[in-house]
Amino acid sequence: MTFRFKILSILAGSFDADRFWRIRRKLTFHTKSITRYYYHVIYQRQLNKFNAFIPLTAVFDSPPVLPHGISGIHISGNAHIGQNCVIFHQVTIGSTKNGAPRIGDDCFIGCGATIIGNVKIGNNVRIGANCTVVTDIPDDSTVVMNTARIITHNNKHSNIDMSNQ
């Protein structure tokens, strides 16, 4: 693939989530103004194309898994996302005047979920689709329904019997 074709494909928007995070990493580490500006333009075009907002001030311990790409994901500045997190589409991780959320490692955030304010989400937490979280969530928990109902597990690998519901 020639350099010219690579540039044209990038500007045309043929991206996947992995390429998006590579561009973000390059934008963060480059110090030369012309190179930084180039990556900044590509980064902003991708965010605008997919109606997403992921500022460079948001901290990621490792790139999250985005099964549906960055479509509709809004993460506020100063939010902290742990390692191996799975974030589905239309998720909002927003801050208030009190602070931004801190999300632990190995978390699963379902589509349409909203996490607002200075809350701490523990490690190995599962947040269901369309949940609104405004309180701290302990480790090894599952959050379901609009008003957060927390289910604490005895161990990480417990099975939930759904046949009685």
N, C-alpha and C. Protein backbone atom coordinates (compact mmCIF):
# COMPACT_ATOMS: atom_id res chain seq x y z
N MET A 1 0.85 -1.17 0.00
CA MET A 1 0.00 0.00 0.00
C MET A 1 0.90 1.24 0.00
N THR A 2 0.69 2.12 -0.94
CA THR A 2 1.52 3.32 -1.04
C THR A 2 1.13 4.32 0.03
N PHE A 3 2.06 5.23 0.31
CA PHE A 3 1.82 6.25 1.33
C PHE A 3 0.63 7.12 0.94
N ARG A 4 0.51 7.48 -0.34
CA ARG A 4 -0.59 8.34 -0.79
C ARG A 4 -1.94 7.64 -0.58
N PHE A 5 -2.01 6.36 -0.91
CA PHE A 5 -3.25 5.62 -0.72
C PHE A 5 -3.60 5.50 0.76
N LYS A 6 -2.57 5.32 1.61
CA LYS A 6 -2.81 5.24 3.04
C LYS A 6 -3.41 6.53 3.57
N ILE A 7 -2.87 7.66 3.14
CA ILE A 7 -3.38 8.96 3.57
C ILE A 7 -4.82 9.13 3.10
N LEU A 8 -5.11 8.80 1.85
CA LEU A 8 -6.47 8.95 1.33
C LEU A 8 -7.45 8.04 2.06
N SER A 9 -7.04 6.81 2.41
CA SER A 9 -7.95 5.92 3.12
C SER A 9 -8.19 6.41 4.55
N ILE A 10 -7.19 7.01 5.16
CA ILE A 10 -7.37 7.56 6.50
C ILE A 10 -8.33 8.74 6.45
N LEU A 11 -8.14 9.65 5.50
CA LEU A 11 -9.01 10.82 5.41
C LEU A 11 -10.43 10.43 4.99
N ALA A 12 -10.57 9.33 4.25
CA ALA A 12 -11.90 8.88 3.83
C ALA A 12 -12.67 8.25 4.99
N GLY A 13 -11.95 7.83 6.03
CA GLY A 13 -12.63 7.34 7.22
C GLY A 13 -12.72 5.83 7.32
N SER A 14 -11.87 5.08 6.61
CA SER A 14 -11.93 3.63 6.74
C SER A 14 -11.10 3.21 7.96
N PHE A 15 -11.68 3.41 9.14
CA PHE A 15 -11.02 3.14 10.40
C PHE A 15 -11.70 2.01 11.15
N ASP A 16 -10.99 1.37 11.98
CA ASP A 16 -11.57 0.49 12.98
C ASP A 16 -11.10 1.00 14.35
N ALA A 17 -11.57 0.40 15.41
CA ALA A 17 -11.24 0.90 16.76
C ALA A 17 -9.75 0.83 17.04
N ASP A 18 -9.09 -0.22 16.55
CA ASP A 18 -7.66 -0.36 16.79
C ASP A 18 -6.88 0.80 16.16
N ARG A 19 -7.21 1.15 14.96
CA ARG A 19 -6.55 2.28 14.31
C ARG A 19 -6.84 3.59 15.04
N PHE A 20 -8.07 3.73 15.53
CA PHE A 20 -8.42 4.93 16.28
C PHE A 20 -7.50 5.10 17.49
N TRP A 21 -7.26 4.01 18.24
CA TRP A 21 -6.41 4.11 19.43
C TRP A 21 -4.95 4.31 19.06
N ARG A 22 -4.52 3.78 17.90
CA ARG A 22 -3.15 4.06 17.45
C ARG A 22 -2.98 5.54 17.13
N ILE A 23 -3.97 6.14 16.48
CA ILE A 23 -3.91 7.57 16.18
C ILE A 23 -3.90 8.37 17.48
N ARG A 24 -4.71 7.99 18.44
CA ARG A 24 -4.74 8.69 19.74
C ARG A 24 -3.38 8.61 20.43
N ARG A 25 -2.76 7.43 20.41
CA ARG A 25 -1.45 7.25 21.03
C ARG A 25 -0.40 8.12 20.34
N LYS A 26 -0.42 8.14 19.01
CA LYS A 26 0.54 8.97 18.28
C LYS A 26 0.33 10.44 18.57
N LEU A 27 -0.92 10.86 18.64
CA LEU A 27 -1.24 12.25 18.95
C LEU A 27 -0.74 12.63 20.34
N THR A 28 -0.83 11.72 21.28
CA THR A 28 -0.40 11.99 22.65
C THR A 28 1.12 12.12 22.76
N PHE A 29 1.86 11.32 22.00
CA PHE A 29 3.30 11.26 22.18
C PHE A 29 4.11 12.15 21.23
N HIS A 30 3.52 12.63 20.14
CA HIS A 30 4.28 13.46 19.21
C HIS A 30 4.42 14.87 19.75
N THR A 31 5.62 15.43 19.59
CA THR A 31 5.87 16.78 20.08
C THR A 31 6.03 17.79 18.95
N LYS A 32 6.37 17.34 17.75
CA LYS A 32 6.51 18.27 16.62
C LYS A 32 5.13 18.81 16.25
N SER A 33 5.04 20.10 16.09
CA SER A 33 3.73 20.74 15.93
C SER A 33 3.02 20.30 14.64
N ILE A 34 3.74 20.16 13.53
CA ILE A 34 3.08 19.81 12.27
C ILE A 34 2.56 18.36 12.32
N THR A 35 3.33 17.45 12.90
CA THR A 35 2.90 16.06 13.02
C THR A 35 1.74 15.95 14.00
N ARG A 36 1.84 16.66 15.10
CA ARG A 36 0.77 16.64 16.09
C ARG A 36 -0.52 17.21 15.49
N TYR A 37 -0.41 18.27 14.72
CA TYR A 37 -1.58 18.87 14.08
C TYR A 37 -2.21 17.88 13.10
N TYR A 38 -1.40 17.17 12.34
CA TYR A 38 -1.88 16.18 11.38
C TYR A 38 -2.70 15.10 12.09
N TYR A 39 -2.16 14.53 13.16
CA TYR A 39 -2.88 13.49 13.90
C TYR A 39 -4.10 14.05 14.61
N HIS A 40 -4.02 15.29 15.05
CA HIS A 40 -5.16 15.92 15.71
C HIS A 40 -6.34 16.07 14.73
N VAL A 41 -6.06 16.45 13.51
CA VAL A 41 -7.11 16.59 12.49
C VAL A 41 -7.77 15.23 12.22
N ILE A 42 -6.97 14.19 12.07
CA ILE A 42 -7.51 12.85 11.82
C ILE A 42 -8.34 12.39 13.01
N TYR A 43 -7.84 12.63 14.22
CA TYR A 43 -8.53 12.24 15.45
C TYR A 43 -9.89 12.93 15.55
N GLN A 44 -9.94 14.21 15.31
CA GLN A 44 -11.19 14.96 15.39
C GLN A 44 -12.17 14.55 14.31
N ARG A 45 -11.67 14.26 13.12
CA ARG A 45 -12.56 13.80 12.04
C ARG A 45 -13.25 12.49 12.41
N GLN A 46 -12.50 11.58 13.04
CA GLN A 46 -13.09 10.31 13.43
C GLN A 46 -14.13 10.49 14.53
N LEU A 47 -13.83 11.36 15.49
CA LEU A 47 -14.80 11.61 16.55
C LEU A 47 -16.08 12.24 15.98
N ASN A 48 -15.93 13.19 15.07
CA ASN A 48 -17.10 13.83 14.46
C ASN A 48 -17.89 12.84 13.60
N LYS A 49 -17.20 11.99 12.89
CA LYS A 49 -17.86 11.03 12.00
C LYS A 49 -18.76 10.09 12.79
N PHE A 50 -18.29 9.66 13.95
CA PHE A 50 -19.04 8.68 14.74
C PHE A 50 -19.80 9.31 15.90
N ASN A 51 -19.91 10.65 15.91
CA ASN A 51 -20.63 11.37 16.95
C ASN A 51 -20.14 10.96 18.33
N ALA A 52 -18.84 10.98 18.52
CA ALA A 52 -18.23 10.57 19.79
C ALA A 52 -17.45 11.73 20.38
N PHE A 53 -17.18 11.64 21.67
CA PHE A 53 -16.37 12.63 22.36
C PHE A 53 -15.47 11.90 23.34
N ILE A 54 -14.19 11.82 23.01
CA ILE A 54 -13.20 11.17 23.87
C ILE A 54 -12.00 12.10 23.92
N PRO A 55 -11.95 13.00 24.91
CA PRO A 55 -10.86 13.98 24.95
C PRO A 55 -9.53 13.33 25.32
N LEU A 56 -8.46 14.03 25.02
CA LEU A 56 -7.14 13.50 25.34
C LEU A 56 -6.86 13.53 26.83
N THR A 57 -7.66 14.27 27.61
CA THR A 57 -7.46 14.31 29.06
C THR A 57 -8.08 13.11 29.77
N ALA A 58 -8.86 12.30 29.06
CA ALA A 58 -9.38 11.06 29.65
C ALA A 58 -8.24 10.06 29.72
N VAL A 59 -8.13 9.36 30.85
CA VAL A 59 -7.02 8.45 31.09
C VAL A 59 -7.49 7.01 30.89
N PHE A 60 -6.74 6.26 30.08
CA PHE A 60 -7.03 4.85 29.83
C PHE A 60 -5.80 4.04 30.20
N ASP A 61 -5.96 3.05 31.11
CA ASP A 61 -4.83 2.19 31.46
C ASP A 61 -4.43 1.30 30.29
N SER A 62 -5.40 0.88 29.51
CA SER A 62 -5.16 0.17 28.26
C SER A 62 -6.34 0.50 27.34
N PRO A 63 -6.15 0.41 26.04
CA PRO A 63 -7.28 0.71 25.16
C PRO A 63 -8.46 -0.21 25.46
N PRO A 64 -9.66 0.34 25.62
CA PRO A 64 -10.82 -0.51 25.91
C PRO A 64 -11.25 -1.30 24.68
N VAL A 65 -11.99 -2.35 24.91
CA VAL A 65 -12.58 -3.12 23.82
C VAL A 65 -13.88 -2.43 23.44
N LEU A 66 -14.02 -2.07 22.17
CA LEU A 66 -15.20 -1.39 21.68
C LEU A 66 -15.85 -2.27 20.61
N PRO A 67 -16.75 -3.18 21.00
CA PRO A 67 -17.33 -4.12 20.05
C PRO A 67 -18.06 -3.45 18.89
N HIS A 68 -18.63 -2.28 19.11
CA HIS A 68 -19.36 -1.58 18.06
C HIS A 68 -18.66 -0.30 17.64
N GLY A 69 -17.37 -0.19 17.88
CA GLY A 69 -16.63 1.00 17.53
C GLY A 69 -16.89 2.14 18.50
N ILE A 70 -16.53 3.35 18.10
CA ILE A 70 -16.66 4.50 19.00
C ILE A 70 -17.99 5.23 18.83
N SER A 71 -18.92 4.61 18.17
CA SER A 71 -20.19 5.24 17.83
C SER A 71 -20.95 5.72 19.07
N GLY A 72 -21.10 7.02 19.21
CA GLY A 72 -21.91 7.62 20.26
C GLY A 72 -21.31 7.57 21.65
N ILE A 73 -20.05 7.21 21.78
CA ILE A 73 -19.43 7.14 23.11
C ILE A 73 -18.98 8.53 23.52
N HIS A 74 -19.38 8.94 24.72
CA HIS A 74 -18.99 10.24 25.27
C HIS A 74 -18.31 10.02 26.61
N ILE A 75 -17.04 10.39 26.68
CA ILE A 75 -16.26 10.24 27.90
C ILE A 75 -15.74 11.62 28.26
N SER A 76 -16.01 12.06 29.48
CA SER A 76 -15.58 13.41 29.87
C SER A 76 -14.09 13.42 30.20
N GLY A 77 -13.54 14.63 30.22
CA GLY A 77 -12.15 14.80 30.57
C GLY A 77 -11.92 14.37 32.01
N ASN A 78 -10.73 13.90 32.30
CA ASN A 78 -10.29 13.46 33.63
C ASN A 78 -10.97 12.17 34.09
N ALA A 79 -11.78 11.54 33.26
CA ALA A 79 -12.30 10.22 33.62
C ALA A 79 -11.15 9.23 33.54
N HIS A 80 -11.20 8.22 34.38
CA HIS A 80 -10.14 7.21 34.41
C HIS A 80 -10.76 5.85 34.16
N ILE A 81 -10.30 5.17 33.09
CA ILE A 81 -10.82 3.86 32.70
C ILE A 81 -9.71 2.84 32.90
N GLY A 82 -10.00 1.75 33.63
CA GLY A 82 -9.01 0.73 33.92
C GLY A 82 -8.71 -0.17 32.73
N GLN A 83 -8.00 -1.25 33.00
CA GLN A 83 -7.57 -2.18 31.95
C GLN A 83 -8.69 -3.14 31.58
N ASN A 84 -8.66 -3.59 30.34
CA ASN A 84 -9.54 -4.64 29.83
C ASN A 84 -11.02 -4.33 30.00
N CYS A 85 -11.41 -3.09 29.80
CA CYS A 85 -12.82 -2.72 29.89
C CYS A 85 -13.49 -2.89 28.54
N VAL A 86 -14.74 -3.32 28.57
CA VAL A 86 -15.54 -3.45 27.37
C VAL A 86 -16.61 -2.36 27.42
N ILE A 87 -16.62 -1.50 26.40
CA ILE A 87 -17.57 -0.39 26.36
C ILE A 87 -18.38 -0.50 25.07
N PHE A 88 -19.69 -0.65 25.22
CA PHE A 88 -20.56 -0.75 24.06
C PHE A 88 -20.95 0.65 23.57
N HIS A 89 -21.73 0.72 22.52
CA HIS A 89 -22.10 1.97 21.90
C HIS A 89 -23.07 2.78 22.76
N GLN A 90 -23.11 4.08 22.51
CA GLN A 90 -24.02 5.02 23.17
C GLN A 90 -23.81 5.12 24.68
N VAL A 91 -22.60 4.91 25.15
CA VAL A 91 -22.28 5.01 26.58
C VAL A 91 -21.82 6.42 26.90
N THR A 92 -22.28 6.95 28.04
CA THR A 92 -21.85 8.26 28.51
C THR A 92 -21.15 8.09 29.85
N ILE A 93 -19.92 8.57 29.93
CA ILE A 93 -19.17 8.59 31.17
C ILE A 93 -18.87 10.06 31.42
N GLY A 94 -19.71 10.69 32.26
CA GLY A 94 -19.66 12.14 32.40
C GLY A 94 -19.24 12.60 33.77
N SER A 95 -18.70 13.80 33.81
CA SER A 95 -18.27 14.36 35.08
C SER A 95 -19.22 15.46 35.52
N THR A 96 -19.12 15.80 36.79
CA THR A 96 -19.85 16.91 37.36
C THR A 96 -18.83 17.84 38.00
N LYS A 97 -19.30 18.87 38.68
CA LYS A 97 -18.35 19.78 39.34
C LYS A 97 -17.60 19.08 40.47
N ASN A 98 -18.12 17.95 40.95
CA ASN A 98 -17.46 17.20 42.02
C ASN A 98 -16.36 16.28 41.52
N GLY A 99 -16.32 15.98 40.24
CA GLY A 99 -15.28 15.13 39.70
C GLY A 99 -15.77 14.20 38.61
N ALA A 100 -14.85 13.38 38.14
CA ALA A 100 -15.13 12.46 37.05
C ALA A 100 -15.09 11.01 37.55
N PRO A 101 -15.76 10.10 36.84
CA PRO A 101 -15.77 8.69 37.27
C PRO A 101 -14.41 8.02 37.17
N ARG A 102 -14.20 7.04 38.05
CA ARG A 102 -13.03 6.16 38.00
C ARG A 102 -13.56 4.74 37.85
N ILE A 103 -13.23 4.13 36.74
CA ILE A 103 -13.73 2.79 36.43
C ILE A 103 -12.57 1.80 36.58
N GLY A 104 -12.81 0.72 37.32
CA GLY A 104 -11.78 -0.27 37.60
C GLY A 104 -11.47 -1.17 36.41
N ASP A 105 -10.68 -2.19 36.67
CA ASP A 105 -10.25 -3.13 35.65
C ASP A 105 -11.34 -4.17 35.37
N ASP A 106 -11.31 -4.72 34.17
CA ASP A 106 -12.19 -5.82 33.75
C ASP A 106 -13.67 -5.50 33.91
N CYS A 107 -14.06 -4.29 33.55
CA CYS A 107 -15.46 -3.88 33.64
C CYS A 107 -16.16 -4.03 32.29
N PHE A 108 -17.45 -4.25 32.34
CA PHE A 108 -18.30 -4.40 31.16
C PHE A 108 -19.39 -3.34 31.28
N ILE A 109 -19.45 -2.44 30.29
CA ILE A 109 -20.45 -1.36 30.32
C ILE A 109 -21.36 -1.56 29.12
N GLY A 110 -22.61 -1.90 29.38
CA GLY A 110 -23.59 -2.21 28.33
C GLY A 110 -24.02 -0.98 27.56
N CYS A 111 -24.64 -1.21 26.42
CA CYS A 111 -25.03 -0.11 25.54
C CYS A 111 -26.03 0.82 26.21
N GLY A 112 -25.83 2.10 26.01
CA GLY A 112 -26.73 3.11 26.54
C GLY A 112 -26.53 3.42 28.02
N ALA A 113 -25.55 2.82 28.67
CA ALA A 113 -25.33 3.06 30.09
C ALA A 113 -24.79 4.48 30.30
N THR A 114 -25.11 5.04 31.47
CA THR A 114 -24.66 6.38 31.82
C THR A 114 -24.03 6.33 33.20
N ILE A 115 -22.81 6.81 33.30
CA ILE A 115 -22.09 6.88 34.58
C ILE A 115 -21.76 8.35 34.79
N ILE A 116 -22.33 8.95 35.83
CA ILE A 116 -22.22 10.39 36.03
C ILE A 116 -21.65 10.69 37.40
N GLY A 117 -20.73 11.65 37.44
CA GLY A 117 -20.24 12.19 38.70
C GLY A 117 -18.98 11.53 39.21
N ASN A 118 -18.60 11.93 40.40
CA ASN A 118 -17.39 11.44 41.05
C ASN A 118 -17.68 10.09 41.70
N VAL A 119 -17.88 9.06 40.88
CA VAL A 119 -18.18 7.73 41.38
C VAL A 119 -17.01 6.80 41.11
N LYS A 120 -16.87 5.79 41.96
CA LYS A 120 -15.83 4.78 41.76
C LYS A 120 -16.52 3.47 41.44
N ILE A 121 -16.19 2.94 40.28
CA ILE A 121 -16.69 1.64 39.84
C ILE A 121 -15.57 0.64 40.12
N GLY A 122 -15.86 -0.40 40.90
CA GLY A 122 -14.84 -1.37 41.29
C GLY A 122 -14.39 -2.25 40.13
N ASN A 123 -13.51 -3.17 40.45
CA ASN A 123 -13.00 -4.12 39.46
C ASN A 123 -14.02 -5.22 39.21
N ASN A 124 -14.05 -5.73 37.99
CA ASN A 124 -14.92 -6.84 37.59
C ASN A 124 -16.40 -6.52 37.82
N VAL A 125 -16.81 -5.34 37.39
CA VAL A 125 -18.20 -4.90 37.53
C VAL A 125 -18.87 -4.99 36.17
N ARG A 126 -20.12 -5.44 36.17
CA ARG A 126 -20.94 -5.51 34.96
C ARG A 126 -22.07 -4.50 35.09
N ILE A 127 -22.14 -3.57 34.14
CA ILE A 127 -23.20 -2.56 34.14
C ILE A 127 -24.09 -2.87 32.95
N GLY A 128 -25.36 -3.12 33.21
CA GLY A 128 -26.30 -3.51 32.18
C GLY A 128 -26.67 -2.37 31.26
N ALA A 129 -27.38 -2.71 30.20
CA ALA A 129 -27.79 -1.73 29.21
C ALA A 129 -28.75 -0.71 29.82
N ASN A 130 -28.59 0.53 29.44
CA ASN A 130 -29.44 1.66 29.84
C ASN A 130 -29.47 1.92 31.34
N CYS A 131 -28.48 1.49 32.08
CA CYS A 131 -28.41 1.79 33.51
C CYS A 131 -27.84 3.19 33.71
N THR A 132 -28.30 3.84 34.77
CA THR A 132 -27.75 5.13 35.17
C THR A 132 -27.08 4.92 36.52
N VAL A 133 -25.79 5.17 36.57
CA VAL A 133 -25.02 4.95 37.79
C VAL A 133 -24.56 6.30 38.34
N VAL A 134 -24.96 6.60 39.59
CA VAL A 134 -24.55 7.84 40.24
C VAL A 134 -23.98 7.58 41.63
N THR A 135 -23.84 6.31 42.02
CA THR A 135 -23.26 5.95 43.32
C THR A 135 -22.10 4.99 43.09
N ASP A 136 -21.25 4.87 44.09
CA ASP A 136 -20.12 3.95 44.01
C ASP A 136 -20.61 2.51 43.91
N ILE A 137 -19.87 1.69 43.14
CA ILE A 137 -20.22 0.29 42.93
C ILE A 137 -19.04 -0.55 43.45
N PRO A 138 -19.28 -1.51 44.35
CA PRO A 138 -18.18 -2.33 44.87
C PRO A 138 -17.67 -3.32 43.82
N ASP A 139 -16.51 -3.91 44.11
CA ASP A 139 -15.92 -4.92 43.24
C ASP A 139 -16.86 -6.11 43.07
N ASP A 140 -16.71 -6.80 41.95
CA ASP A 140 -17.44 -8.04 41.66
C ASP A 140 -18.95 -7.89 41.80
N SER A 141 -19.50 -6.89 41.15
CA SER A 141 -20.94 -6.63 41.23
C SER A 141 -21.54 -6.52 39.84
N THR A 142 -22.86 -6.61 39.79
CA THR A 142 -23.61 -6.40 38.56
C THR A 142 -24.65 -5.34 38.84
N VAL A 143 -24.78 -4.37 37.93
CA VAL A 143 -25.75 -3.29 38.09
C VAL A 143 -26.78 -3.45 36.98
N VAL A 144 -28.06 -3.52 37.37
CA VAL A 144 -29.13 -3.65 36.39
C VAL A 144 -30.24 -2.66 36.69
N MET A 145 -31.07 -2.41 35.73
CA MET A 145 -32.24 -1.53 35.80
C MET A 145 -31.83 -0.05 35.84
N ASN A 146 -32.80 0.83 35.59
CA ASN A 146 -32.53 2.26 35.56
C ASN A 146 -32.08 2.81 36.91
N THR A 147 -32.81 2.50 37.96
CA THR A 147 -32.32 2.86 39.28
C THR A 147 -31.41 1.71 39.68
N ALA A 148 -30.17 2.01 39.89
CA ALA A 148 -29.16 0.98 40.04
C ALA A 148 -29.50 -0.02 41.15
N ARG A 149 -29.68 -1.26 40.77
CA ARG A 149 -29.87 -2.37 41.70
C ARG A 149 -28.58 -3.17 41.67
N ILE A 150 -27.88 -3.23 42.78
CA ILE A 150 -26.55 -3.84 42.83
C ILE A 150 -26.68 -5.28 43.31
N ILE A 151 -26.07 -6.19 42.56
CA ILE A 151 -26.03 -7.60 42.94
C ILE A 151 -24.58 -7.94 43.23
N THR A 152 -24.26 -8.23 44.48
CA THR A 152 -22.89 -8.55 44.87
C THR A 152 -22.69 -10.05 44.76
N HIS A 153 -21.58 -10.44 44.17
CA HIS A 153 -21.26 -11.85 43.98
C HIS A 153 -20.27 -12.29 45.04
N ASN A 154 -20.38 -13.56 45.44
CA ASN A 154 -19.44 -14.11 46.43
C ASN A 154 -18.07 -14.33 45.83
N ASN A 155 -18.02 -14.72 44.56
CA ASN A 155 -16.74 -14.90 43.90
C ASN A 155 -16.85 -14.41 42.47
N LYS A 156 -15.71 -14.29 41.81
CA LYS A 156 -15.68 -13.75 40.46
C LYS A 156 -16.39 -14.65 39.45
N HIS A 157 -16.34 -15.92 39.67
CA HIS A 157 -16.82 -16.87 38.65
C HIS A 157 -18.14 -17.52 39.03
N SER A 158 -18.96 -16.82 39.80
CA SER A 158 -20.24 -17.40 40.19
C SER A 158 -21.22 -17.37 39.02
N ASN A 159 -22.06 -18.37 38.96
CA ASN A 159 -23.10 -18.45 37.93
C ASN A 159 -24.41 -17.98 38.52
N ILE A 160 -25.16 -17.23 37.75
CA ILE A 160 -26.45 -16.74 38.21
C ILE A 160 -27.53 -17.59 37.58
N ASP A 161 -28.43 -18.12 38.40
CA ASP A 161 -29.53 -18.95 37.91
C ASP A 161 -30.67 -18.03 37.51
N MET A 162 -30.93 -17.90 36.23
CA MET A 162 -31.96 -17.02 35.71
C MET A 162 -33.27 -17.75 35.46
N SER A 163 -33.37 -19.04 35.80
CA SER A 163 -34.58 -19.81 35.48
C SER A 163 -35.76 -19.44 36.38
N ASN A 164 -35.53 -18.89 37.55
CA ASN A 164 -36.61 -18.55 38.48
C ASN A 164 -37.20 -17.18 38.20
N GLN A 165 -36.68 -16.44 37.26
CA GLN A 165 -37.13 -15.06 37.04
C GLN A 165 -38.00 -14.95 35.82
